[in-house]
Protein backbone atom coordinates (compact mmCIF):
# COMPACT_ATOMS: atom_id res chain seq x y z
CA MET A 1 -3.12 -2.62 11.73
CA PRO A 2 0.18 -4.22 9.61
CA THR A 3 1.57 -1.29 7.38
CA LYS A 4 2.68 -2.64 4.14
CA PHE A 5 0.03 -5.60 3.98
CA ASP A 6 2.71 -7.73 6.21
CA ARG A 7 3.13 -9.61 3.10
CA PRO A 8 7.21 -10.82 2.46
CA GLU A 9 6.16 -9.45 -1.30
CA VAL A 10 5.86 -5.51 -0.13
CA THR A 11 8.50 -4.65 0.74
CA ALA A 12 8.44 -0.25 1.13
CA ALA A 13 6.31 2.58 -0.66
CA ILE A 14 8.25 3.98 -3.35
CA VAL A 15 7.37 7.74 -3.91
CA GLY A 16 9.22 10.36 -5.43
CA ALA A 17 8.24 13.88 -5.80
CA ARG A 18 9.17 16.85 -8.64
CA SER A 19 8.10 19.72 -6.84
CA PRO A 20 7.74 20.93 -3.11
CA TRP A 21 3.91 20.65 -4.82
CA GLN A 22 4.15 16.81 -4.69
CA ILE A 23 6.20 16.69 -1.38
CA GLU A 24 2.82 18.15 0.86
CA GLU A 25 0.81 16.20 -0.28
CA VAL A 26 3.02 12.73 -0.27
CA ALA A 27 3.54 13.95 2.99
CA LYS A 28 -0.40 13.55 3.97
CA VAL A 29 -0.22 10.29 3.14
CA GLY A 30 2.07 8.73 6.30
CA ASP A 31 -1.01 9.64 8.60
CA TRP A 32 -3.34 7.73 6.62
CA ARG A 33 -4.32 4.28 7.49
CA LEU A 34 -6.26 1.07 6.64
CA THR A 35 -8.71 0.31 7.69
CA ALA A 36 -9.49 -4.34 8.70
CA GLN A 37 -11.90 -4.49 5.56
CA ASP A 38 -9.41 -1.82 3.14
CA VAL A 39 -6.62 -4.65 4.08
CA ALA A 40 -9.37 -8.63 3.61
CA GLU A 41 -9.47 -6.22 0.55
CA VAL A 42 -5.93 -5.58 -0.66
CA GLU A 43 -5.40 -9.50 0.29
CA THR A 44 -8.26 -11.19 -1.39
CA LEU A 45 -7.18 -9.20 -4.70
CA LEU A 46 -3.56 -10.32 -4.17
CA ALA A 47 -5.33 -13.65 -4.05
CA ARG A 48 -6.29 -14.09 -6.99
CA ARG A 49 -3.50 -12.37 -8.87
CA ALA A 50 -1.38 -14.80 -6.81
CA GLN A 51 -3.44 -18.06 -8.08
CA THR A 52 -3.58 -16.61 -12.00
CA LEU A 53 0.12 -16.86 -11.53
CA ALA A 54 -0.03 -20.03 -10.88
């Protein structure tokens, strides 16, 4: 499964924490993976957005 959706406009996740609690919560996301359906839904939304900008 690709990370960053294999899309050139998505270069990195921007993560910032201001407390130890936030660091702990953000760290949990490191093991999270999108399903193929999740990726397809995001791709559909990005395509719709691109059409509105064209």
